[in-house]
């Protein structure tokens, strides 16, 4: 309960800060480092999550592994927020962030408990159902790596680039010229 909440809060803040700082540092020499940083940190996150879920010798060590897993997992937050918001004109940033948060909830956080529950029920073990979590972390790391390899380097949009642009919520769903 409260221990996992504290772990999540501290790891989230620290991981986001480390991810932003690391991506900023490497962006000078590695184009689209904002995609590579989350990909690189996802592998140790998945490994620590797997160990935390399967650890049988003491809660303290499992909690330490959980902290490490979440710390590494949250490194995506800073770089990806920066990319997603800085490629848009200023007047689209707030609705874009709102749409992003909605989609994260609808596509990730809402279906996850029923999926893990269904797997747990079918297998007869919550631990078995929870294994999908570290596996999905590895899948997510693969998606970040594909983004790094396949997408062209991010061109950041300066606030002055957006002069005179008209923003609507539906314009977030329509392609924009580069």
N, C-alpha and C. Protein backbone atom coordinates (compact mmCIF):
# COMPACT_ATOMS: atom_id res chain seq x y z
N UNK A 1 0.79 -1.19 0.00
CA UNK A 1 0.00 0.00 0.00
C UNK A 1 0.84 1.26 0.00
N UNK A 2 1.09 1.79 1.18
CA UNK A 2 1.77 3.07 1.31
C UNK A 2 3.23 2.97 0.86
N UNK A 3 3.85 1.82 1.09
CA UNK A 3 5.25 1.63 0.67
C UNK A 3 5.35 1.68 -0.85
N UNK A 4 4.46 0.98 -1.54
CA UNK A 4 4.50 0.97 -3.02
C UNK A 4 4.19 2.36 -3.56
N UNK A 5 3.27 3.07 -2.92
CA UNK A 5 2.96 4.44 -3.34
C UNK A 5 4.16 5.36 -3.19
N UNK A 6 4.88 5.25 -2.07
CA UNK A 6 6.09 6.05 -1.86
C UNK A 6 7.18 5.70 -2.86
N UNK A 7 7.33 4.40 -3.12
CA UNK A 7 8.32 3.95 -4.10
C UNK A 7 8.00 4.54 -5.46
N UNK A 8 6.74 4.47 -5.85
CA UNK A 8 6.32 4.99 -7.15
C UNK A 8 6.56 6.49 -7.26
N UNK A 9 6.20 7.23 -6.22
CA UNK A 9 6.38 8.69 -6.26
C UNK A 9 7.86 9.07 -6.38
N UNK A 10 8.69 8.50 -5.52
CA UNK A 10 10.12 8.83 -5.55
C UNK A 10 10.79 8.36 -6.84
N UNK A 11 10.48 7.15 -7.26
CA UNK A 11 11.07 6.63 -8.50
C UNK A 11 10.60 7.42 -9.71
N UNK A 12 9.34 7.83 -9.70
CA UNK A 12 8.81 8.61 -10.83
C UNK A 12 9.49 9.95 -10.98
N UNK A 13 9.67 10.65 -9.88
CA UNK A 13 10.34 11.95 -9.93
C UNK A 13 11.80 11.79 -10.32
N UNK A 14 12.49 10.87 -9.68
CA UNK A 14 13.91 10.67 -9.98
C UNK A 14 14.14 10.16 -11.39
N UNK A 15 13.32 9.20 -11.82
CA UNK A 15 13.47 8.64 -13.17
C UNK A 15 13.19 9.67 -14.25
N UNK A 16 12.16 10.47 -14.07
CA UNK A 16 11.84 11.50 -15.06
C UNK A 16 12.97 12.52 -15.16
N UNK A 17 13.52 12.90 -14.02
CA UNK A 17 14.63 13.87 -14.03
C UNK A 17 15.86 13.27 -14.70
N UNK A 18 16.20 12.02 -14.37
CA UNK A 18 17.36 11.38 -14.99
C UNK A 18 17.16 11.22 -16.49
N UNK A 19 15.96 10.81 -16.90
CA UNK A 19 15.68 10.65 -18.33
C UNK A 19 15.82 11.94 -19.10
N UNK A 20 15.29 13.02 -18.55
CA UNK A 20 15.38 14.32 -19.22
C UNK A 20 16.83 14.78 -19.31
N UNK A 21 17.57 14.63 -18.21
CA UNK A 21 18.97 15.07 -18.20
C UNK A 21 19.82 14.22 -19.15
N UNK A 22 19.59 12.91 -19.17
CA UNK A 22 20.36 12.02 -20.04
C UNK A 22 20.06 12.30 -21.50
N UNK A 23 18.79 12.45 -21.84
CA UNK A 23 18.42 12.72 -23.24
C UNK A 23 18.98 14.06 -23.70
N UNK A 24 18.91 15.07 -22.84
CA UNK A 24 19.45 16.38 -23.18
C UNK A 24 20.95 16.31 -23.44
N UNK A 25 21.64 15.57 -22.60
CA UNK A 25 23.10 15.44 -22.75
C UNK A 25 23.46 14.73 -24.05
N UNK A 26 22.74 13.66 -24.38
CA UNK A 26 23.09 12.87 -25.56
C UNK A 26 22.49 13.41 -26.86
N UNK A 27 21.53 14.32 -26.77
CA UNK A 27 20.89 14.86 -27.97
C UNK A 27 21.90 15.58 -28.86
N UNK A 28 22.95 16.12 -28.27
CA UNK A 28 23.97 16.83 -29.05
C UNK A 28 24.71 15.90 -30.01
N UNK A 29 24.93 14.65 -29.60
CA UNK A 29 25.71 13.72 -30.43
C UNK A 29 24.88 12.56 -30.99
N UNK A 30 23.69 12.32 -30.45
CA UNK A 30 22.84 11.23 -30.91
C UNK A 30 21.47 11.81 -31.28
N UNK A 31 21.19 11.97 -32.58
CA UNK A 31 19.89 12.49 -32.98
C UNK A 31 18.77 11.58 -32.45
N UNK A 32 17.72 12.19 -31.98
CA UNK A 32 16.56 11.47 -31.40
C UNK A 32 16.94 10.63 -30.19
N UNK A 33 17.86 11.13 -29.38
CA UNK A 33 18.22 10.45 -28.14
C UNK A 33 17.00 10.31 -27.22
N UNK A 34 15.99 11.15 -27.42
CA UNK A 34 14.78 11.06 -26.61
C UNK A 34 14.07 9.72 -26.78
N UNK A 35 14.31 9.03 -27.88
CA UNK A 35 13.76 7.69 -28.07
C UNK A 35 14.73 6.62 -27.59
N UNK A 36 16.02 6.87 -27.73
CA UNK A 36 17.02 5.88 -27.34
C UNK A 36 17.13 5.75 -25.82
N UNK A 37 17.01 6.84 -25.11
CA UNK A 37 17.14 6.81 -23.64
C UNK A 37 16.07 5.90 -23.02
N UNK A 38 14.77 6.06 -23.34
CA UNK A 38 13.80 5.13 -22.77
C UNK A 38 14.04 3.68 -23.19
N UNK A 39 14.47 3.46 -24.43
CA UNK A 39 14.75 2.10 -24.89
C UNK A 39 15.87 1.48 -24.05
N UNK A 40 16.93 2.24 -23.79
CA UNK A 40 18.07 1.73 -23.04
C UNK A 40 17.72 1.44 -21.58
N UNK A 41 16.89 2.27 -20.98
CA UNK A 41 16.53 2.07 -19.57
C UNK A 41 15.44 1.02 -19.38
N UNK A 42 14.74 0.64 -20.43
CA UNK A 42 13.66 -0.33 -20.30
C UNK A 42 14.17 -1.72 -20.00
N UNK A 43 15.32 -2.10 -20.55
CA UNK A 43 15.85 -3.44 -20.31
C UNK A 43 16.16 -3.66 -18.82
N UNK A 44 16.92 -2.77 -18.17
CA UNK A 44 17.12 -3.00 -16.73
C UNK A 44 15.82 -2.87 -15.93
N UNK A 45 14.90 -2.03 -16.39
CA UNK A 45 13.61 -1.92 -15.69
C UNK A 45 12.88 -3.25 -15.72
N UNK A 46 12.84 -3.89 -16.88
CA UNK A 46 12.16 -5.18 -17.01
C UNK A 46 12.85 -6.25 -16.18
N UNK A 47 14.18 -6.25 -16.19
CA UNK A 47 14.92 -7.25 -15.41
C UNK A 47 14.65 -7.08 -13.91
N UNK A 48 14.68 -5.84 -13.43
CA UNK A 48 14.41 -5.62 -12.00
C UNK A 48 12.96 -5.91 -11.65
N UNK A 49 12.03 -5.60 -12.55
CA UNK A 49 10.62 -5.92 -12.29
C UNK A 49 10.43 -7.44 -12.22
N UNK A 50 11.06 -8.18 -13.12
CA UNK A 50 10.95 -9.63 -13.09
C UNK A 50 11.51 -10.18 -11.76
N UNK A 51 12.66 -9.66 -11.35
CA UNK A 51 13.24 -10.12 -10.08
C UNK A 51 12.34 -9.75 -8.90
N UNK A 52 11.80 -8.52 -8.90
CA UNK A 52 10.94 -8.08 -7.80
C UNK A 52 9.68 -8.95 -7.71
N UNK A 53 9.10 -9.28 -8.86
CA UNK A 53 7.88 -10.10 -8.86
C UNK A 53 8.14 -11.53 -8.42
N UNK A 54 9.33 -12.01 -8.64
CA UNK A 54 9.63 -13.41 -8.34
C UNK A 54 10.51 -13.59 -7.11
N UNK A 55 10.84 -12.50 -6.41
CA UNK A 55 11.71 -12.57 -5.24
C UNK A 55 10.96 -13.22 -4.08
N UNK A 56 11.60 -14.17 -3.43
CA UNK A 56 10.95 -14.89 -2.34
C UNK A 56 11.63 -14.68 -0.99
N UNK A 57 12.78 -14.04 -0.96
CA UNK A 57 13.56 -13.93 0.27
C UNK A 57 13.59 -12.50 0.80
N UNK A 58 12.50 -12.03 1.32
CA UNK A 58 12.49 -10.74 1.98
C UNK A 58 11.85 -9.62 1.18
N UNK A 59 10.97 -8.93 1.85
CA UNK A 59 10.22 -7.83 1.24
C UNK A 59 11.11 -6.62 0.96
N UNK A 60 12.11 -6.38 1.80
CA UNK A 60 12.97 -5.20 1.61
C UNK A 60 13.70 -5.26 0.27
N UNK A 61 14.25 -6.40 -0.07
CA UNK A 61 14.97 -6.52 -1.33
C UNK A 61 14.00 -6.43 -2.52
N UNK A 62 12.83 -7.01 -2.38
CA UNK A 62 11.82 -6.91 -3.45
C UNK A 62 11.42 -5.45 -3.66
N UNK A 63 11.26 -4.70 -2.58
CA UNK A 63 10.91 -3.28 -2.69
C UNK A 63 12.04 -2.47 -3.32
N UNK A 64 13.27 -2.81 -3.01
CA UNK A 64 14.42 -2.14 -3.62
C UNK A 64 14.45 -2.42 -5.12
N UNK A 65 14.19 -3.65 -5.51
CA UNK A 65 14.12 -4.00 -6.94
C UNK A 65 12.96 -3.28 -7.62
N UNK A 66 11.82 -3.18 -6.93
CA UNK A 66 10.67 -2.46 -7.47
C UNK A 66 11.02 -0.98 -7.68
N UNK A 67 11.72 -0.38 -6.72
CA UNK A 67 12.15 1.01 -6.87
C UNK A 67 13.05 1.15 -8.10
N UNK A 68 14.03 0.28 -8.24
CA UNK A 68 14.93 0.33 -9.39
C UNK A 68 14.19 0.17 -10.71
N UNK A 69 13.24 -0.77 -10.73
CA UNK A 69 12.46 -0.99 -11.95
C UNK A 69 11.66 0.25 -12.32
N UNK A 70 10.98 0.84 -11.34
CA UNK A 70 10.17 2.02 -11.63
C UNK A 70 11.05 3.23 -11.97
N UNK A 71 12.18 3.36 -11.28
CA UNK A 71 13.09 4.47 -11.57
C UNK A 71 13.51 4.41 -13.04
N UNK A 72 13.94 3.24 -13.50
CA UNK A 72 14.36 3.08 -14.89
C UNK A 72 13.18 3.25 -15.85
N UNK A 73 12.03 2.72 -15.47
CA UNK A 73 10.86 2.81 -16.35
C UNK A 73 10.41 4.25 -16.55
N UNK A 74 10.49 5.07 -15.51
CA UNK A 74 10.03 6.46 -15.61
C UNK A 74 10.98 7.37 -16.38
N UNK A 75 12.14 6.86 -16.80
CA UNK A 75 13.06 7.72 -17.55
C UNK A 75 12.48 8.17 -18.89
N UNK A 76 11.44 7.52 -19.36
CA UNK A 76 10.82 7.92 -20.63
C UNK A 76 10.08 9.24 -20.49
N UNK A 77 9.60 9.53 -19.31
CA UNK A 77 8.67 10.64 -19.12
C UNK A 77 9.22 12.00 -19.54
N UNK A 78 10.39 12.37 -19.05
CA UNK A 78 10.96 13.67 -19.40
C UNK A 78 11.23 13.83 -20.89
N UNK A 79 11.99 12.90 -21.50
CA UNK A 79 12.30 13.07 -22.93
C UNK A 79 11.06 13.06 -23.83
N UNK A 80 10.13 12.17 -23.56
CA UNK A 80 8.99 12.05 -24.46
C UNK A 80 8.03 13.22 -24.29
N UNK A 81 7.84 13.71 -23.07
CA UNK A 81 7.02 14.91 -22.89
C UNK A 81 7.66 16.09 -23.63
N UNK A 82 8.96 16.20 -23.51
CA UNK A 82 9.67 17.29 -24.18
C UNK A 82 9.48 17.22 -25.69
N UNK A 83 9.68 16.04 -26.25
CA UNK A 83 9.51 15.87 -27.70
C UNK A 83 8.08 16.17 -28.12
N UNK A 84 7.12 15.55 -27.43
CA UNK A 84 5.73 15.69 -27.87
C UNK A 84 5.23 17.13 -27.77
N UNK A 85 5.69 17.85 -26.78
CA UNK A 85 5.21 19.22 -26.63
C UNK A 85 6.02 20.23 -27.44
N UNK A 86 7.29 19.94 -27.68
CA UNK A 86 8.10 20.94 -28.37
C UNK A 86 7.99 20.87 -29.89
N UNK A 87 7.38 19.85 -30.43
CA UNK A 87 7.20 19.80 -31.88
C UNK A 87 5.86 20.42 -32.29
N UNK A 88 5.10 20.90 -31.33
CA UNK A 88 3.80 21.51 -31.60
C UNK A 88 3.86 23.02 -31.38
N UNK A 89 3.00 23.74 -32.07
CA UNK A 89 2.90 25.17 -31.76
C UNK A 89 2.35 25.34 -30.33
N UNK A 90 2.69 26.43 -29.68
CA UNK A 90 2.31 26.62 -28.28
C UNK A 90 0.82 26.43 -28.00
N UNK A 91 -0.04 26.88 -28.89
CA UNK A 91 -1.48 26.79 -28.60
C UNK A 91 -2.03 25.36 -28.71
N UNK A 92 -1.26 24.43 -29.23
CA UNK A 92 -1.70 23.03 -29.29
C UNK A 92 -1.12 22.18 -28.17
N UNK A 93 -0.22 22.74 -27.39
CA UNK A 93 0.46 21.95 -26.37
C UNK A 93 -0.46 21.50 -25.25
N UNK A 94 -1.30 22.36 -24.75
CA UNK A 94 -2.19 21.98 -23.65
C UNK A 94 -3.21 20.94 -24.10
N UNK A 95 -3.94 21.14 -25.20
CA UNK A 95 -4.87 20.08 -25.60
C UNK A 95 -4.15 18.79 -26.00
N UNK A 96 -2.95 18.90 -26.54
CA UNK A 96 -2.18 17.71 -26.89
C UNK A 96 -1.85 16.91 -25.65
N UNK A 97 -1.41 17.59 -24.61
CA UNK A 97 -1.09 16.92 -23.35
C UNK A 97 -2.33 16.25 -22.76
N UNK A 98 -3.47 16.92 -22.83
CA UNK A 98 -4.72 16.35 -22.32
C UNK A 98 -5.11 15.10 -23.11
N UNK A 99 -4.99 15.17 -24.43
CA UNK A 99 -5.31 14.01 -25.27
C UNK A 99 -4.35 12.86 -24.97
N UNK A 100 -3.08 13.17 -24.80
CA UNK A 100 -2.10 12.14 -24.49
C UNK A 100 -2.45 11.45 -23.17
N UNK A 101 -2.76 12.23 -22.15
CA UNK A 101 -3.11 11.66 -20.84
C UNK A 101 -4.36 10.78 -20.94
N UNK A 102 -5.34 11.21 -21.70
CA UNK A 102 -6.56 10.43 -21.89
C UNK A 102 -6.24 9.09 -22.57
N UNK A 103 -5.43 9.14 -23.63
CA UNK A 103 -5.09 7.91 -24.35
C UNK A 103 -4.26 6.96 -23.50
N UNK A 104 -3.36 7.49 -22.69
CA UNK A 104 -2.58 6.63 -21.78
C UNK A 104 -3.53 5.89 -20.84
N UNK A 105 -4.51 6.61 -20.31
CA UNK A 105 -5.46 5.98 -19.40
C UNK A 105 -6.31 4.92 -20.13
N UNK A 106 -6.85 5.29 -21.28
CA UNK A 106 -7.76 4.40 -22.00
C UNK A 106 -7.06 3.17 -22.59
N UNK A 107 -5.84 3.35 -23.07
CA UNK A 107 -5.16 2.25 -23.75
C UNK A 107 -4.21 1.48 -22.85
N UNK A 108 -3.86 2.04 -21.69
CA UNK A 108 -2.88 1.37 -20.84
C UNK A 108 -3.39 1.05 -19.45
N UNK A 109 -3.74 2.08 -18.71
CA UNK A 109 -4.06 1.88 -17.30
C UNK A 109 -5.45 1.29 -17.06
N UNK A 110 -6.38 1.54 -17.94
CA UNK A 110 -7.73 0.96 -17.76
C UNK A 110 -7.75 -0.53 -18.09
N UNK A 111 -7.22 -0.95 -19.24
CA UNK A 111 -7.31 -2.38 -19.56
C UNK A 111 -6.31 -3.28 -18.82
N UNK A 112 -5.25 -2.72 -18.25
CA UNK A 112 -4.22 -3.55 -17.62
C UNK A 112 -4.72 -4.44 -16.49
N UNK A 113 -5.44 -3.91 -15.49
CA UNK A 113 -5.89 -4.79 -14.41
C UNK A 113 -6.80 -5.93 -14.88
N UNK A 114 -7.78 -5.69 -15.78
CA UNK A 114 -8.57 -6.83 -16.25
C UNK A 114 -7.75 -7.86 -17.03
N UNK A 115 -6.78 -7.40 -17.81
CA UNK A 115 -5.94 -8.34 -18.57
C UNK A 115 -5.10 -9.18 -17.61
N UNK A 116 -4.44 -8.54 -16.65
CA UNK A 116 -3.64 -9.29 -15.67
C UNK A 116 -4.55 -10.21 -14.86
N UNK A 117 -5.73 -9.73 -14.51
CA UNK A 117 -6.69 -10.56 -13.76
C UNK A 117 -7.16 -11.78 -14.55
N UNK A 118 -7.44 -11.58 -15.83
CA UNK A 118 -7.88 -12.71 -16.67
C UNK A 118 -6.77 -13.75 -16.80
N UNK A 119 -5.53 -13.29 -17.00
CA UNK A 119 -4.41 -14.22 -17.10
C UNK A 119 -4.21 -14.94 -15.76
N UNK A 120 -4.32 -14.21 -14.67
CA UNK A 120 -4.17 -14.80 -13.34
C UNK A 120 -5.25 -15.85 -13.08
N UNK A 121 -6.49 -15.52 -13.44
CA UNK A 121 -7.58 -16.47 -13.25
C UNK A 121 -7.38 -17.72 -14.09
N UNK A 122 -6.96 -17.53 -15.34
CA UNK A 122 -6.75 -18.68 -16.23
C UNK A 122 -5.60 -19.56 -15.75
N UNK A 123 -4.56 -18.94 -15.21
CA UNK A 123 -3.39 -19.69 -14.75
C UNK A 123 -3.53 -20.17 -13.32
N UNK A 124 -4.47 -19.56 -12.59
CA UNK A 124 -4.65 -19.92 -11.18
C UNK A 124 -3.60 -19.30 -10.27
N UNK A 125 -2.93 -18.24 -10.75
CA UNK A 125 -1.86 -17.63 -9.96
C UNK A 125 -1.71 -16.15 -10.33
N UNK A 126 -1.78 -15.29 -9.32
CA UNK A 126 -1.57 -13.87 -9.55
C UNK A 126 -0.13 -13.60 -10.01
N UNK A 127 0.83 -14.34 -9.47
CA UNK A 127 2.23 -14.16 -9.85
C UNK A 127 2.40 -14.42 -11.35
N UNK A 128 1.72 -15.43 -11.86
CA UNK A 128 1.79 -15.72 -13.30
C UNK A 128 1.21 -14.56 -14.11
N UNK A 129 0.08 -14.03 -13.67
CA UNK A 129 -0.53 -12.90 -14.36
C UNK A 129 0.36 -11.67 -14.33
N UNK A 130 1.05 -11.46 -13.22
CA UNK A 130 1.92 -10.29 -13.08
C UNK A 130 3.16 -10.37 -13.98
N UNK A 131 3.51 -11.56 -14.44
CA UNK A 131 4.68 -11.70 -15.33
C UNK A 131 4.49 -10.90 -16.62
N UNK A 132 3.23 -10.67 -16.99
CA UNK A 132 2.98 -9.90 -18.21
C UNK A 132 3.51 -8.47 -18.09
N UNK A 133 3.68 -7.98 -16.88
CA UNK A 133 4.12 -6.60 -16.69
C UNK A 133 5.55 -6.39 -17.16
N UNK A 134 6.47 -7.23 -16.72
CA UNK A 134 7.86 -7.05 -17.17
C UNK A 134 7.99 -7.39 -18.65
N UNK A 135 7.17 -8.32 -19.13
CA UNK A 135 7.21 -8.64 -20.56
C UNK A 135 6.73 -7.46 -21.40
N UNK A 136 5.69 -6.77 -20.91
CA UNK A 136 5.21 -5.60 -21.64
C UNK A 136 6.22 -4.46 -21.58
N UNK A 137 7.01 -4.39 -20.51
CA UNK A 137 8.09 -3.40 -20.45
C UNK A 137 9.10 -3.64 -21.57
N UNK A 138 9.47 -4.91 -21.77
CA UNK A 138 10.41 -5.23 -22.85
C UNK A 138 9.82 -4.88 -24.21
N UNK A 139 8.54 -5.16 -24.38
CA UNK A 139 7.87 -4.80 -25.64
C UNK A 139 7.90 -3.29 -25.84
N UNK A 140 7.61 -2.54 -24.79
CA UNK A 140 7.67 -1.08 -24.86
C UNK A 140 9.06 -0.58 -25.21
N UNK A 141 10.09 -1.21 -24.63
CA UNK A 141 11.46 -0.84 -24.97
C UNK A 141 11.76 -1.08 -26.44
N UNK A 142 11.19 -2.16 -26.98
CA UNK A 142 11.35 -2.42 -28.41
C UNK A 142 10.69 -1.36 -29.26
N UNK A 143 9.55 -0.87 -28.82
CA UNK A 143 8.86 0.21 -29.55
C UNK A 143 9.69 1.49 -29.51
N UNK A 144 10.26 1.82 -28.34
CA UNK A 144 11.13 3.00 -28.25
C UNK A 144 12.32 2.84 -29.18
N UNK A 145 12.90 1.64 -29.24
CA UNK A 145 14.05 1.40 -30.10
C UNK A 145 13.67 1.52 -31.57
N UNK A 146 12.50 1.01 -31.94
CA UNK A 146 12.03 1.18 -33.32
C UNK A 146 11.85 2.66 -33.65
N UNK A 147 11.31 3.42 -32.71
CA UNK A 147 11.17 4.86 -32.92
C UNK A 147 12.50 5.52 -33.16
N UNK A 148 13.50 5.13 -32.39
CA UNK A 148 14.84 5.69 -32.57
C UNK A 148 15.41 5.32 -33.93
N UNK A 149 15.23 4.07 -34.34
CA UNK A 149 15.82 3.59 -35.60
C UNK A 149 15.07 4.06 -36.84
N UNK A 150 13.75 4.16 -36.77
CA UNK A 150 12.95 4.40 -37.96
C UNK A 150 12.47 5.83 -38.16
N UNK A 151 12.34 6.59 -37.09
CA UNK A 151 11.84 7.96 -37.24
C UNK A 151 12.97 8.92 -37.56
N UNK A 152 12.65 9.91 -38.35
CA UNK A 152 13.67 10.92 -38.64
C UNK A 152 13.91 11.74 -37.37
N UNK A 153 15.10 12.33 -37.23
CA UNK A 153 15.39 13.13 -36.04
C UNK A 153 14.33 14.19 -35.80
N UNK A 154 14.04 14.42 -34.54
CA UNK A 154 13.00 15.36 -34.15
C UNK A 154 13.44 16.78 -34.44
N UNK A 155 12.57 17.55 -35.09
CA UNK A 155 12.80 18.97 -35.32
C UNK A 155 11.94 19.73 -34.32
N UNK A 156 12.57 20.43 -33.40
CA UNK A 156 11.84 21.15 -32.39
C UNK A 156 11.28 22.44 -32.96
N UNK A 157 10.02 22.70 -32.65
CA UNK A 157 9.33 23.88 -33.16
C UNK A 157 9.47 25.01 -32.15
N UNK A 158 10.09 26.07 -32.58
CA UNK A 158 10.23 27.25 -31.73
C UNK A 158 8.88 27.95 -31.62
N UNK A 159 8.68 28.66 -30.54
CA UNK A 159 7.42 29.38 -30.35
C UNK A 159 7.17 30.36 -31.50
N UNK A 160 8.21 30.93 -32.07
CA UNK A 160 8.04 31.89 -33.15
C UNK A 160 7.59 31.21 -34.45
N UNK A 161 7.82 29.88 -34.59
CA UNK A 161 7.39 29.15 -35.79
C UNK A 161 5.86 29.08 -35.89
N UNK A 162 5.19 29.29 -34.78
CA UNK A 162 3.75 29.07 -34.74
C UNK A 162 2.94 30.35 -34.90
N UNK A 163 3.56 31.44 -35.24
CA UNK A 163 2.85 32.71 -35.35
C UNK A 163 1.70 32.59 -36.34
N UNK A 164 0.53 32.94 -35.90
CA UNK A 164 -0.65 32.95 -36.76
C UNK A 164 -1.33 31.60 -36.92
N UNK A 165 -0.82 30.53 -36.31
CA UNK A 165 -1.46 29.22 -36.43
C UNK A 165 -2.73 29.18 -35.60
N UNK A 166 -3.79 28.60 -36.16
CA UNK A 166 -5.05 28.47 -35.44
C UNK A 166 -5.14 27.05 -34.87
N UNK A 167 -5.41 26.94 -33.59
CA UNK A 167 -5.44 25.65 -32.93
C UNK A 167 -6.87 25.24 -32.59
N UNK A 168 -7.20 24.00 -32.86
CA UNK A 168 -8.45 23.40 -32.40
C UNK A 168 -8.13 22.02 -31.86
N UNK A 169 -9.02 21.49 -31.04
CA UNK A 169 -8.79 20.16 -30.49
C UNK A 169 -8.72 19.12 -31.61
N UNK A 170 -9.58 19.24 -32.61
CA UNK A 170 -9.56 18.26 -33.70
C UNK A 170 -8.31 18.38 -34.55
N UNK A 171 -7.63 19.53 -34.51
CA UNK A 171 -6.41 19.66 -35.30
C UNK A 171 -5.30 18.78 -34.76
N UNK A 172 -5.41 18.33 -33.51
CA UNK A 172 -4.43 17.40 -32.97
C UNK A 172 -4.49 16.05 -33.67
N UNK A 173 -5.64 15.72 -34.23
CA UNK A 173 -5.84 14.42 -34.86
C UNK A 173 -5.55 14.46 -36.35
N UNK A 174 -5.22 15.63 -36.88
CA UNK A 174 -4.96 15.77 -38.30
C UNK A 174 -3.47 15.96 -38.53
N UNK A 175 -2.93 15.41 -39.64
CA UNK A 175 -1.51 15.59 -39.88
C UNK A 175 -1.16 17.05 -40.14
N UNK A 176 0.02 17.43 -39.69
CA UNK A 176 0.52 18.79 -39.90
C UNK A 176 1.75 18.72 -40.80
N UNK A 177 1.94 19.70 -41.65
CA UNK A 177 3.15 19.70 -42.48
C UNK A 177 4.39 19.87 -41.60
N UNK A 178 5.52 19.28 -42.01
CA UNK A 178 6.75 19.38 -41.19
C UNK A 178 7.27 20.80 -41.09
